[in-house]
C-alpha atoms as a PDB file:
ATOM      1  CA  UNK A   1     103.359 104.408 115.449  1.00  0.00           C
ATOM      2  CA  UNK A   2     102.943 107.261 112.990  1.00  0.00           C
ATOM      3  CA  UNK A   3      99.686 108.025 111.210  1.00  0.00           C
ATOM      4  CA  UNK A   4      97.718 110.623 109.328  1.00  0.00           C
ATOM      5  CA  UNK A   5      94.376 111.291 111.003  1.00  0.00           C
ATOM      6  CA  UNK A   6      91.247 113.309 110.290  1.00  0.00           C
ATOM      7  CA  UNK A   7      90.855 115.485 113.384  1.00  0.00           C
ATOM      8  CA  UNK A   8      88.534 117.912 111.625  1.00  0.00           C
ATOM      9  CA  UNK A   9      87.303 117.820 108.063  1.00  0.00           C
ATOM     10  CA  UNK A  10      89.397 119.299 105.264  1.00  0.00           C
ATOM     11  CA  UNK A  11      92.585 118.324 103.464  1.00  0.00           C
ATOM     12  CA  UNK A  12      94.541 121.096 105.193  1.00  0.00           C
ATOM     13  CA  UNK A  13      93.345 119.778 108.577  1.00  0.00           C
ATOM     14  CA  UNK A  14      94.749 116.292 107.995  1.00  0.00           C
ATOM     15  CA  UNK A  15      97.248 115.738 110.833  1.00  0.00           C
ATOM     16  CA  UNK A  16     100.454 113.658 110.989  1.00  0.00           C
ATOM     17  CA  UNK A  17     100.485 112.244 114.513  1.00  0.00           C
ATOM     18  CA  UNK A  18     102.160 109.774 116.847  1.00  0.00           C
ATOM     19  CA  UNK A  19      99.989 107.069 118.407  1.00  0.00           C
ATOM     20  CA  UNK A  20     100.793 104.003 120.535  1.00  0.00           C
ATOM     21  CA  UNK A  21     101.617 101.022 118.333  1.00  0.00           C
ATOM     22  CA  UNK A  22      98.667  98.631 118.619  1.00  0.00           C
ATOM     23  CA  UNK A  23      98.946  95.043 119.836  1.00  0.00           C
ATOM     24  CA  UNK A  24      96.972  92.315 118.056  1.00  0.00           C
ATOM     25  CA  UNK A  25      94.330  90.630 120.173  1.00  0.00           C
ATOM     26  CA  UNK A  26      92.815  87.171 119.645  1.00  0.00           C
ATOM     27  CA  UNK A  27      92.076  86.592 115.965  1.00  0.00           C
ATOM     28  CA  UNK A  28      93.927  89.764 114.961  1.00  0.00           C
ATOM     29  CA  UNK A  29      97.074  90.536 112.950  1.00  0.00           C
ATOM     30  CA  UNK A  30      99.542  93.416 113.254  1.00  0.00           C
ATOM     31  CA  UNK A  31     100.661  94.609 109.820  1.00  0.00           C
ATOM     32  CA  UNK A  32     103.604  96.879 109.111  1.00  0.00           C
ATOM     33  CA  UNK A  33     102.244  99.034 106.297  1.00  0.00           C
ATOM     34  CA  UNK A  34     104.672  99.594 103.435  1.00  0.00           C
ATOM     35  CA  UNK A  35     102.486 101.402 100.902  1.00  0.00           C
ATOM     36  CA  UNK A  36      99.056 103.036 100.656  1.00  0.00           C
ATOM     37  CA  UNK A  37      96.987 104.182  97.695  1.00  0.00           C
ATOM     38  CA  UNK A  38      94.300 106.854  97.519  1.00  0.00           C
ATOM     39  CA  UNK A  39      90.783 106.514  96.142  1.00  0.00           C
ATOM     40  CA  UNK A  40      88.315 109.311  95.448  1.00  0.00           C
ATOM     41  CA  UNK A  41      86.328 108.014  98.423  1.00  0.00           C
ATOM     42  CA  UNK A  42      89.280 108.886 100.668  1.00  0.00           C
ATOM     43  CA  UNK A  43      89.250 112.477  99.445  1.00  0.00           C
ATOM     44  CA  UNK A  44      85.502 112.753 100.091  1.00  0.00           C
ATOM     45  CA  UNK A  45      85.954 111.184 103.522  1.00  0.00           C
ATOM     46  CA  UNK A  46      88.710 113.622 104.497  1.00  0.00           C
ATOM     47  CA  UNK A  47      86.663 116.604 103.287  1.00  0.00           C
ATOM     48  CA  UNK A  48      83.587 115.464 105.220  1.00  0.00           C
ATOM     49  CA  UNK A  49      81.523 114.985 102.063  1.00  0.00           C
ATOM     50  CA  UNK A  50      81.186 111.191 102.259  1.00  0.00           C
ATOM     51  CA  UNK A  51      80.002 110.878 105.852  1.00  0.00           C
ATOM     52  CA  UNK A  52      79.804 114.228 107.671  1.00  0.00           C
ATOM     53  CA  UNK A  53      78.680 112.353 110.826  1.00  0.00           C
ATOM     54  CA  UNK A  54      81.772 110.147 110.949  1.00  0.00           C
ATOM     55  CA  UNK A  55      83.346 109.961 114.384  1.00  0.00           C
ATOM     56  CA  UNK A  56      86.662 111.775 114.645  1.00  0.00           C
ATOM     57  CA  UNK A  57      89.555 111.380 114.866  1.00  0.00           C
ATOM     58  CA  UNK A  58      89.735 108.755 112.129  1.00  0.00           C
ATOM     59  CA  UNK A  59      92.700 107.331 110.211  1.00  0.00           C
ATOM     60  CA  UNK A  60      91.647 107.417 106.536  1.00  0.00           C
ATOM     61  CA  UNK A  61      92.326 105.211 103.492  1.00  0.00           C
ATOM     62  CA  UNK A  62      90.994 101.774 102.630  1.00  0.00           C
ATOM     63  CA  UNK A  63      93.945 100.592 100.537  1.00  0.00           C
ATOM     64  CA  UNK A  64      97.311  99.455 101.778  1.00  0.00           C
ATOM     65  CA  UNK A  65      99.800  96.601 101.679  1.00  0.00           C
ATOM     66  CA  UNK A  66     102.586  95.459 103.969  1.00  0.00           C
ATOM     67  CA  UNK A  67     104.104  92.657 106.008  1.00  0.00           C
ATOM     68  CA  UNK A  68     102.698  90.705 108.925  1.00  0.00           C
ATOM     69  CA  UNK A  69     104.657  91.709 112.033  1.00  0.00           C
ATOM     70  CA  UNK A  70     102.846  89.741 114.742  1.00  0.00           C
ATOM     71  CA  UNK A  71      99.699  87.684 115.213  1.00  0.00           C
ATOM     72  CA  UNK A  72      97.292  87.379 118.108  1.00  0.00           C
ATOM     73  CA  UNK A  73      96.109  84.260 119.890  1.00  0.00           C
ATOM     74  CA  UNK A  74      94.370  81.714 117.701  1.00  0.00           C
ATOM     75  CA  UNK A  75      95.591  83.095 114.369  1.00  0.00           C
ATOM     76  CA  UNK A  76      96.606  80.278 112.009  1.00  0.00           C
ATOM     77  CA  UNK A  77      96.265  81.814 108.534  1.00  0.00           C
ATOM     78  CA  UNK A  78      99.216  84.201 108.816  1.00  0.00           C
ATOM     79  CA  UNK A  79     102.722  84.379 110.185  1.00  0.00           C
ATOM     80  CA  UNK A  80     105.391  87.064 110.456  1.00  0.00           C
ATOM     81  CA  UNK A  81     106.787  88.098 107.076  1.00  0.00           C
ATOM     82  CA  UNK A  82     103.698  87.290 105.000  1.00  0.00           C
ATOM     83  CA  UNK A  83     102.960  89.917 102.337  1.00  0.00           C
ATOM     84  CA  UNK A  84      99.353  91.032 102.663  1.00  0.00           C
ATOM     85  CA  UNK A  85      96.756  93.650 101.813  1.00  0.00           C
ATOM     86  CA  UNK A  86      93.638  94.564 103.758  1.00  0.00           C
ATOM     87  CA  UNK A  87      90.196  93.986 102.290  1.00  0.00           C
ATOM     88  CA  UNK A  88      87.938  97.011 101.846  1.00  0.00           C
ATOM     89  CA  UNK A  89      85.066  95.772 104.041  1.00  0.00           C
ATOM     90  CA  UNK A  90      86.424  93.720 106.893  1.00  0.00           C
ATOM     91  CA  UNK A  91      83.131  91.855 107.402  1.00  0.00           C
ATOM     92  CA  UNK A  92      82.393  90.907 103.783  1.00  0.00           C
ATOM     93  CA  UNK A  93      83.958  87.518 103.217  1.00  0.00           C
ATOM     94  CA  UNK A  94      81.755  86.000 100.503  1.00  0.00           C
ATOM     95  CA  UNK A  95      78.261  85.995  99.064  1.00  0.00           C
ATOM     96  CA  UNK A  96      76.012  88.993  98.412  1.00  0.00           C
ATOM     97  CA  UNK A  97      76.429  92.262 100.291  1.00  0.00           C
ATOM     98  CA  UNK A  98      74.214  92.692 103.345  1.00  0.00           C
ATOM     99  CA  UNK A  99      73.918  95.565 105.841  1.00  0.00           C
ATOM    100  CA  UNK A 100      75.996  93.620 108.358  1.00  0.00           C
ATOM    101  CA  UNK A 101      78.704  92.803 105.799  1.00  0.00           C
ATOM    102  CA  UNK A 102      78.817  96.422 104.648  1.00  0.00           C
ATOM    103  CA  UNK A 103      79.943  97.568 108.070  1.00  0.00           C
ATOM    104  CA  UNK A 104      83.624  97.706 108.921  1.00  0.00           C
ATOM    105  CA  UNK A 105      84.843  99.559 105.819  1.00  0.00           C
ATOM    106  CA  UNK A 106      88.440 100.662 106.342  1.00  0.00           C
ATOM    107  CA  UNK A 107      88.992 104.399 106.581  1.00  0.00           C
ATOM    108  CA  UNK A 108      85.309 105.035 107.297  1.00  0.00           C
ATOM    109  CA  UNK A 109      83.556 102.790 109.785  1.00  0.00           C
ATOM    110  CA  UNK A 110      86.907 101.920 111.357  1.00  0.00           C
ATOM    111  CA  UNK A 111      90.444 103.300 111.173  1.00  0.00           C
ATOM    112  CA  UNK A 112      92.108 102.786 107.822  1.00  0.00           C
ATOM    113  CA  UNK A 113      95.549 102.179 106.361  1.00  0.00           C
ATOM    114  CA  UNK A 114      97.235 105.611 106.432  1.00  0.00           C
ATOM    115  CA  UNK A 115      99.582 104.577 109.239  1.00  0.00           C
ATOM    116  CA  UNK A 116     102.805 102.618 109.524  1.00  0.00           C
ATOM    117  CA  UNK A 117     101.131  99.902 111.640  1.00  0.00           C
ATOM    118  CA  UNK A 118      97.544  98.627 111.591  1.00  0.00           C
ATOM    119  CA  UNK A 119      95.706  95.801 113.338  1.00  0.00           C
ATOM    120  CA  UNK A 120      93.206  93.913 111.191  1.00  0.00           C
ATOM    121  CA  UNK A 121      91.135  90.776 111.555  1.00  0.00           C
ATOM    122  CA  UNK A 122      92.721  87.494 110.498  1.00  0.00           C
ATOM    123  CA  UNK A 123      89.957  87.222 107.880  1.00  0.00           C
ATOM    124  CA  UNK A 124      90.420  90.851 106.809  1.00  0.00           C
ATOM    125  CA  UNK A 125      93.595  90.198 104.819  1.00  0.00           C
ATOM    126  CA  UNK A 126      94.565  88.591 101.526  1.00  0.00           C
ATOM    127  CA  UNK A 127      97.951  87.407 100.287  1.00  0.00           C
ATOM    128  CA  UNK A 128      99.255  89.672  97.533  1.00  0.00           C
ATOM    129  CA  UNK A 129     100.620  88.369  94.207  1.00  0.00           C
ATOM    130  CA  UNK A 130     104.308  87.539  94.470  1.00  0.00           C
ATOM    131  CA  UNK A 131     105.367  89.523  91.391  1.00  0.00           C
ATOM    132  CA  UNK A 132     104.005  92.805  92.756  1.00  0.00           C
ATOM    133  CA  UNK A 133     105.858  95.371  94.830  1.00  0.00           C
ATOM    134  CA  UNK A 134     104.147  96.675  97.949  1.00  0.00           C
ATOM    135  CA  UNK A 135     103.391  99.872  96.040  1.00  0.00           C
ATOM    136  CA  UNK A 136     101.652  97.923  93.277  1.00  0.00           C
ATOM    137  CA  UNK A 137      99.809  95.675  95.730  1.00  0.00           C
ATOM    138  CA  UNK A 138      98.495  98.709  97.612  1.00  0.00           C
ATOM    139  CA  UNK A 139      96.453  99.727  94.549  1.00  0.00           C
ATOM    140  CA  UNK A 140      94.321  96.572  94.556  1.00  0.00           C
ATOM    141  CA  UNK A 141      91.792  96.530  97.438  1.00  0.00           C
ATOM    142  CA  UNK A 142      89.278  99.109  96.196  1.00  0.00           C
ATOM    143  CA  UNK A 143      89.903 100.168  92.587  1.00  0.00           C
ATOM    144  CA  UNK A 144      91.029  96.824  91.204  1.00  0.00           C
ATOM    145  CA  UNK A 145      88.325  94.749  92.919  1.00  0.00           C
ATOM    146  CA  UNK A 146      85.730  97.307  91.811  1.00  0.00           C
ATOM    147  CA  UNK A 147      86.890  97.093  88.191  1.00  0.00           C
ATOM    148  CA  UNK A 148      87.001  93.281  88.373  1.00  0.00           C
ATOM    149  CA  UNK A 149      83.380  93.126  89.529  1.00  0.00           C
ATOM    150  CA  UNK A 150      82.281  95.816  87.083  1.00  0.00           C
ATOM    151  CA  UNK A 151      83.436  93.657  84.183  1.00  0.00           C
ATOM    152  CA  UNK A 152      81.780  90.580  85.694  1.00  0.00           C
ATOM    153  CA  UNK A 153      78.369  92.299  85.513  1.00  0.00           C
ATOM    154  CA  UNK A 154      78.628  92.531  81.722  1.00  0.00           C
ATOM    155  CA  UNK A 155      79.158  88.774  81.204  1.00  0.00           C
ATOM    156  CA  UNK A 156      81.645  89.736  78.514  1.00  0.00           C
ATOM    157  CA  UNK A 157      82.459  87.426  75.641  1.00  0.00           C
ATOM    158  CA  UNK A 158      85.665  87.747  73.592  1.00  0.00           C
ATOM    159  CA  UNK A 159      85.163  90.525  71.063  1.00  0.00           C
ATOM    160  CA  UNK A 160      82.740  92.499  73.257  1.00  0.00           C
ATOM    161  CA  UNK A 161      83.235  96.261  73.512  1.00  0.00           C
ATOM    162  CA  UNK A 162      83.839  98.084  76.807  1.00  0.00           C
ATOM    163  CA  UNK A 163      83.800 101.852  77.265  1.00  0.00           C
ATOM    164  CA  UNK A 164      85.855 103.404  80.082  1.00  0.00           C
ATOM    165  CA  UNK A 165      85.433 106.992  81.254  1.00  0.00           C
ATOM    166  CA  UNK A 166      88.656 108.764  82.121  1.00  0.00           C
ATOM    167  CA  UNK A 167      91.995 107.325  83.189  1.00  0.00           C
ATOM    168  CA  UNK A 168      91.720 107.050  86.964  1.00  0.00           C
ATOM    169  CA  UNK A 169      92.374 103.939  88.998  1.00  0.00           C
ATOM    170  CA  UNK A 170      89.142 102.023  88.325  1.00  0.00           C
ATOM    171  CA  UNK A 171      89.139 102.905  84.621  1.00  0.00           C
ATOM    172  CA  UNK A 172      92.721 101.787  84.032  1.00  0.00           C
ATOM    173  CA  UNK A 173      92.168  98.533  85.902  1.00  0.00           C
ATOM    174  CA  UNK A 174      89.003  98.009  83.832  1.00  0.00           C
ATOM    175  CA  UNK A 175      91.076  98.500  80.678  1.00  0.00           C
ATOM    176  CA  UNK A 176      93.636  95.934  81.802  1.00  0.00           C
ATOM    177  CA  UNK A 177      91.064  93.358  82.925  1.00  0.00           C
ATOM    178  CA  UNK A 178      88.946  93.835  79.793  1.00  0.00           C
ATOM    179  CA  UNK A 179      91.966  93.084  77.628  1.00  0.00           C
ATOM    180  CA  UNK A 180      92.527  89.896  79.629  1.00  0.00           C
ATOM    181  CA  UNK A 181      88.969  88.892  78.729  1.00  0.00           C
ATOM    182  CA  UNK A 182      89.565  89.514  75.029  1.00  0.00           C
ATOM    183  CA  UNK A 183      87.376  92.612  74.881  1.00  0.00           C
ATOM    184  CA  UNK A 184      87.804  95.689  72.726  1.00  0.00           C
ATOM    185  CA  UNK A 185      88.188  98.832  74.832  1.00  0.00           C
ATOM    186  CA  UNK A 186      87.171 102.400  74.007  1.00  0.00           C
ATOM    187  CA  UNK A 187      88.076 105.281  76.274  1.00  0.00           C
ATOM    188  CA  UNK A 188      87.530 108.985  76.759  1.00  0.00           C
ATOM    189  CA  UNK A 189      89.706 111.546  78.495  1.00  0.00           C
ATOM    190  CA  UNK A 190      90.309 115.294  78.562  1.00  0.00           C
ATOM    191  CA  UNK A 191      94.008 114.681  77.831  1.00  0.00           C
ATOM    192  CA  UNK A 192      95.597 113.444  74.601  1.00  0.00           C
ATOM    193  CA  UNK A 193      98.690 112.501  76.608  1.00  0.00           C
ATOM    194  CA  UNK A 194      96.652 110.252  78.903  1.00  0.00           C
ATOM    195  CA  UNK A 195      94.882 108.661  75.941  1.00  0.00           C
ATOM    196  CA  UNK A 196      98.261 107.875  74.426  1.00  0.00           C
ATOM    197  CA  UNK A 197      99.414 106.277  77.663  1.00  0.00           C
ATOM    198  CA  UNK A 198      96.205 104.244  77.755  1.00  0.00           C
ATOM    199  CA  UNK A 199      96.878 103.040  74.201  1.00  0.00           C
ATOM    200  CA  UNK A 200     100.143 101.652  75.486  1.00  0.00           C
ATOM    201  CA  UNK A 201      98.083  99.510  77.872  1.00  0.00           C
ATOM    202  CA  UNK A 202      95.814  98.214  75.132  1.00  0.00           C
ATOM    203  CA  UNK A 203      93.202 100.914  74.546  1.00  0.00           C
ATOM    204  CA  UNK A 204      91.818 100.336  71.052  1.00  0.00           C
ATOM    205  CA  UNK A 205      90.416 103.810  70.417  1.00  0.00           C
ATOM    206  CA  UNK A 206      90.242 107.037  72.389  1.00  0.00           C
ATOM    207  CA  UNK A 207      88.450 110.362  72.249  1.00  0.00           C
ATOM    208  CA  UNK A 208      89.255 113.712  73.867  1.00  0.00           C
ATOM    209  CA  UNK A 209      85.866 114.854  75.163  1.00  0.00           C
ATOM    210  CA  UNK A 210      87.050 118.431  75.605  1.00  0.00           C
ATOM    211  CA  UNK A 211      87.351 118.736  71.834  1.00  0.00           C
ATOM    212  CA  UNK A 212      84.562 116.272  70.999  1.00  0.00           C
ATOM    213  CA  UNK A 213      81.924 116.457  73.739  1.00  0.00           C
ATOM    214  CA  UNK A 214      79.449 114.069  72.091  1.00  0.00           C
ATOM    215  CA  UNK A 215      81.378 111.007  73.188  1.00  0.00           C
ATOM    216  CA  UNK A 216      78.297 108.805  73.353  1.00  0.00           C
ATOM    217  CA  UNK A 217      77.739 109.249  69.587  1.00  0.00           C
ATOM    218  CA  UNK A 218      81.393 108.481  68.966  1.00  0.00           C
ATOM    219  CA  UNK A 219      81.107 105.256  70.986  1.00  0.00           C
ATOM    220  CA  UNK A 220      78.076 104.161  68.961  1.00  0.00           C
ATOM    221  CA  UNK A 221      79.891 104.996  65.717  1.00  0.00           C
ATOM    222  CA  UNK A 222      82.877 102.931  66.870  1.00  0.00           C
ATOM    223  CA  UNK A 223      80.590  99.902  67.125  1.00  0.00           C
ATOM    224  CA  UNK A 224      78.962 100.230  63.702  1.00  0.00           C
ATOM    225  CA  UNK A 225      75.862 101.886  65.130  1.00  0.00           C
ATOM    226  CA  UNK A 226      75.123  99.122  67.657  1.00  0.00           C
ATOM    227  CA  UNK A 227      76.457 100.610  70.899  1.00  0.00           C
ATOM    228  CA  UNK A 228      78.908  99.192  73.424  1.00  0.00           C
ATOM    229  CA  UNK A 229      78.290  96.112  75.533  1.00  0.00           C
ATOM    230  CA  UNK A 230      79.439  97.613  78.821  1.00  0.00           C
ATOM    231  CA  UNK A 231      80.200 101.055  80.237  1.00  0.00           C
ATOM    232  CA  UNK A 232      82.308 101.236  83.380  1.00  0.00           C
ATOM    233  CA  UNK A 233      80.552 104.330  84.717  1.00  0.00           C
ATOM    234  CA  UNK A 234      82.653 106.403  87.105  1.00  0.00           C
ATOM    235  CA  UNK A 235      80.911 109.744  86.557  1.00  0.00           C
ATOM    236  CA  UNK A 236      77.529 109.192  88.150  1.00  0.00           C
ATOM    237  CA  UNK A 237      74.498 111.367  87.440  1.00  0.00           C
ATOM    238  CA  UNK A 238      76.584 113.770  85.374  1.00  0.00           C
ATOM    239  CA  UNK A 239      77.426 111.148  82.738  1.00  0.00           C
ATOM    240  CA  UNK A 240      74.805 108.422  83.186  1.00  0.00           C
ATOM    241  CA  UNK A 241      72.456 109.774  80.500  1.00  0.00           C
ATOM    242  CA  UNK A 242      75.261 109.749  77.944  1.00  0.00           C
ATOM    243  CA  UNK A 243      76.320 106.252  79.017  1.00  0.00           C
ATOM    244  CA  UNK A 244      72.750 105.065  78.410  1.00  0.00           C
ATOM    245  CA  UNK A 245      72.956 106.436  74.880  1.00  0.00           C
ATOM    246  CA  UNK A 246      76.323 104.722  74.349  1.00  0.00           C
ATOM    247  CA  UNK A 247      75.248 101.157  75.207  1.00  0.00           C
ATOM    248  CA  UNK A 248      73.612  98.697  72.828  1.00  0.00           C
ATOM    249  CA  UNK A 249      70.087  97.435  73.375  1.00  0.00           C
ATOM    250  CA  UNK A 250      70.373  95.071  76.328  1.00  0.00           C
ATOM    251  CA  UNK A 251      73.759  96.508  77.282  1.00  0.00           C
ATOM    252  CA  UNK A 252      75.074  97.005  80.795  1.00  0.00           C
ATOM    253  CA  UNK A 253      76.207  99.998  82.811  1.00  0.00           C
ATOM    254  CA  UNK A 254      78.387  99.125  85.800  1.00  0.00           C
ATOM    255  CA  UNK A 255      77.824 102.147  88.050  1.00  0.00           C
ATOM    256  CA  UNK A 256      80.886 102.572  90.227  1.00  0.00           C
ATOM    257  CA  UNK A 257      81.470 106.294  90.720  1.00  0.00           C
ATOM    258  CA  UNK A 258      79.960 109.652  91.605  1.00  0.00           C
ATOM    259  CA  UNK A 259      82.511 112.068  90.164  1.00  0.00           C
ATOM    260  CA  UNK A 260      80.285 114.336  88.054  1.00  0.00           C
ATOM    261  CA  UNK A 261      77.266 116.488  88.862  1.00  0.00           C
ATOM    262  CA  UNK A 262      74.055 116.200  86.825  1.00  0.00           C
ATOM    263  CA  UNK A 263      74.198 117.935  83.465  1.00  0.00           C
ATOM    264  CA  UNK A 264      70.753 116.854  82.233  1.00  0.00           C
ATOM    265  CA  UNK A 265      67.737 114.952  83.596  1.00  0.00           C
ATOM    266  CA  UNK A 266      67.969 111.181  83.578  1.00  0.00           C
ATOM    267  CA  UNK A 267      65.670 109.664  80.967  1.00  0.00           C
ATOM    268  CA  UNK A 268      63.685 106.740  82.336  1.00  0.00           C
ATOM    269  CA  UNK A 269      62.385 106.165  78.793  1.00  0.00           C
ATOM    270  CA  UNK A 270      65.969 105.610  77.619  1.00  0.00           C
ATOM    271  CA  UNK A 271      66.438 102.880  80.236  1.00  0.00           C
ATOM    272  CA  UNK A 272      63.300 101.169  78.953  1.00  0.00           C
ATOM    273  CA  UNK A 273      64.044 101.565  75.247  1.00  0.00           C
ATOM    274  CA  UNK A 274      67.587 100.281  75.664  1.00  0.00           C
ATOM    275  CA  UNK A 275      66.416  97.465  77.995  1.00  0.00           C
ATOM    276  CA  UNK A 276      69.438  98.590  79.973  1.00  0.00           C
ATOM    277  CA  UNK A 277      70.923  96.808  82.936  1.00  0.00           C
ATOM    278  CA  UNK A 278      72.333  99.250  85.492  1.00  0.00           C
ATOM    279  CA  UNK A 279      74.316  97.424  88.141  1.00  0.00           C
ATOM    280  CA  UNK A 280      75.688  99.248  91.168  1.00  0.00           C
ATOM    281  CA  UNK A 281      79.178  98.120  92.207  1.00  0.00           C
ATOM    282  CA  UNK A 282      80.369  98.567  95.792  1.00  0.00           C
ATOM    283  CA  UNK A 283      83.884  97.107  95.622  1.00  0.00           C
ATOM    284  CA  UNK A 284      83.550  93.394  96.480  1.00  0.00           C
ATOM    285  CA  UNK A 285      84.086  90.590  98.953  1.00  0.00           C
ATOM    286  CA  UNK A 286      87.248  88.925 100.178  1.00  0.00           C
ATOM    287  CA  UNK A 287      86.522  86.021  97.836  1.00  0.00           C
ATOM    288  CA  UNK A 288      86.320  88.446  94.891  1.00  0.00           C
ATOM    289  CA  UNK A 289      89.718  89.846  95.902  1.00  0.00           C
ATOM    290  CA  UNK A 290      91.292  86.373  96.124  1.00  0.00           C
ATOM    291  CA  UNK A 291      89.893  85.311  92.744  1.00  0.00           C
ATOM    292  CA  UNK A 292      91.036  88.555  91.126  1.00  0.00           C
ATOM    293  CA  UNK A 293      94.544  88.038  92.511  1.00  0.00           C
ATOM    294  CA  UNK A 294      94.691  84.656  90.774  1.00  0.00           C
ATOM    295  CA  UNK A 295      94.097  86.382  87.435  1.00  0.00           C
ATOM    296  CA  UNK A 296      96.588  89.136  88.266  1.00  0.00           C
ATOM    297  CA  UNK A 297      99.224  86.493  89.065  1.00  0.00           C
ATOM    298  CA  UNK A 298      98.578  84.344  85.993  1.00  0.00           C
ATOM    299  CA  UNK A 299      98.709  87.357  83.674  1.00  0.00           C
ATOM    300  CA  UNK A 300     101.645  88.929  85.564  1.00  0.00           C
ATOM    301  CA  UNK A 301      99.542  92.086  85.399  1.00  0.00           C
ATOM    302  CA  UNK A 302     101.181  95.215  86.772  1.00  0.00           C
ATOM    303  CA  UNK A 303      99.091  98.069  88.194  1.00  0.00           C
ATOM    304  CA  UNK A 304      99.764 101.558  86.899  1.00  0.00           C
ATOM    305  CA  UNK A 305     100.262 104.572  89.113  1.00  0.00           C
ATOM    306  CA  UNK A 306     102.375 107.424  90.426  1.00  0.00           C
ATOM    307  CA  UNK A 307     104.448 107.036  93.594  1.00  0.00           C
ATOM    308  CA  UNK A 308     105.088 109.556  96.374  1.00  0.00           C
ATOM    309  CA  UNK A 309     106.406 109.576  99.934  1.00  0.00           C
ATOM    310  CA  UNK A 310     103.657 109.290 102.508  1.00  0.00           C
ATOM    311  CA  UNK A 311     104.601 112.602 104.111  1.00  0.00           C
ATOM    312  CA  UNK A 312     103.228 114.181 100.911  1.00  0.00           C
ATOM    313  CA  UNK A 313      99.675 113.017 101.629  1.00  0.00           C
ATOM    314  CA  UNK A 314      98.114 116.486 101.433  1.00  0.00           C
ATOM    315  CA  UNK A 315      99.850 117.304  98.147  1.00  0.00           C
ATOM    316  CA  UNK A 316      98.813 113.991  96.617  1.00  0.00           C
ATOM    317  CA  UNK A 317      95.200 114.567  97.621  1.00  0.00           C
ATOM    318  CA  UNK A 318      95.456 117.869  95.762  1.00  0.00           C
ATOM    319  CA  UNK A 319      96.493 115.996  92.636  1.00  0.00           C
ATOM    320  CA  UNK A 320      93.474 113.755  93.015  1.00  0.00           C
ATOM    321  CA  UNK A 321      91.165 116.738  93.379  1.00  0.00           C
ATOM    322  CA  UNK A 322      92.630 118.247  90.208  1.00  0.00           C
ATOM    323  CA  UNK A 323      92.216 114.898  88.388  1.00  0.00           C
ATOM    324  CA  UNK A 324      95.725 115.370  87.018  1.00  0.00           C
ATOM    325  CA  UNK A 325      96.857 111.811  87.748  1.00  0.00           C
ATOM    326  CA  UNK A 326      96.915 108.652  85.619  1.00  0.00           C
ATOM    327  CA  UNK A 327      95.995 105.367  87.254  1.00  0.00           C
ATOM    328  CA  UNK A 328      96.576 105.184  91.003  1.00  0.00           C
ATOM    329  CA  UNK A 329      98.209 107.597  93.451  1.00  0.00           C
ATOM    330  CA  UNK A 330     100.485 105.620  95.766  1.00  0.00           C
ATOM    331  CA  UNK A 331     102.308 106.571  98.959  1.00  0.00           C
ATOM    332  CA  UNK A 332     105.427 104.735 100.152  1.00  0.00           C
ATOM    333  CA  UNK A 333     105.744 104.401 103.933  1.00  0.00           C
ATOM    334  CA  UNK A 334     109.286 104.847 105.266  1.00  0.00           C
END
């Protein structure tokens, strides 16, 4: 089989290699990978910033979709030709996250999806919605499930207001899922072009924070002085203080990302005064993925992204580092 592997840390050190094609053992499934998508975690992993003690070599990437090629002894859930995607954490089937369930994350604890064949557990796969291409299905395991669970933390009612930061994969999925829930969506970006594209997906109002840096005040103004119900927070410490100012009293921040460095100290008093709920989101379980796929199928929702050939992995990672993309970055395996 062919694969990209991290032999030493750094995007330029990512190697395209030949490995023996694996054979599925008992309870395992061999998947022919047809498409892969990148997350910011993958970039950090490849650069050695996520887990500098990770054992190498390692095949990166948590997100991919393809067809079942063969199954091992005892496998009953899948057969050759089934269209599937891997789940982010192979051991997290249902219920709350525990240390044991957190192990087995693809592209980190174990080899990931950036190969043309992978072997995964029978329980480590989900069936992908029929209306999606492999490229679209490959965007779901991390970013879509994360966005799905981020919105669930806010217990949103129709007419609630959601604020998304930027136009990356999680933010665009959050926009699409929030619209399905009947929520009003505000968004910020450094690009007027991206804001216009987001409006085409249902964004109600957008702000370019390069020209108007006080986006938290704008969000409050957009809600008649009350503040938003939920912020899908992808920035981290660099934007959390502003997100706290943007929410209403009793509002929720779904903390899903660590993209920005700290710009100002975090105000504990603000958390108290806003009676804020800050909920960390670490993707989700297999059950979350299955339930999300039901909504995706019923709504005939189509993920948004940019497609490339998988031999362009290094160049696509560069686009991610520049934050020049909109939605997901997807690689087609051929």
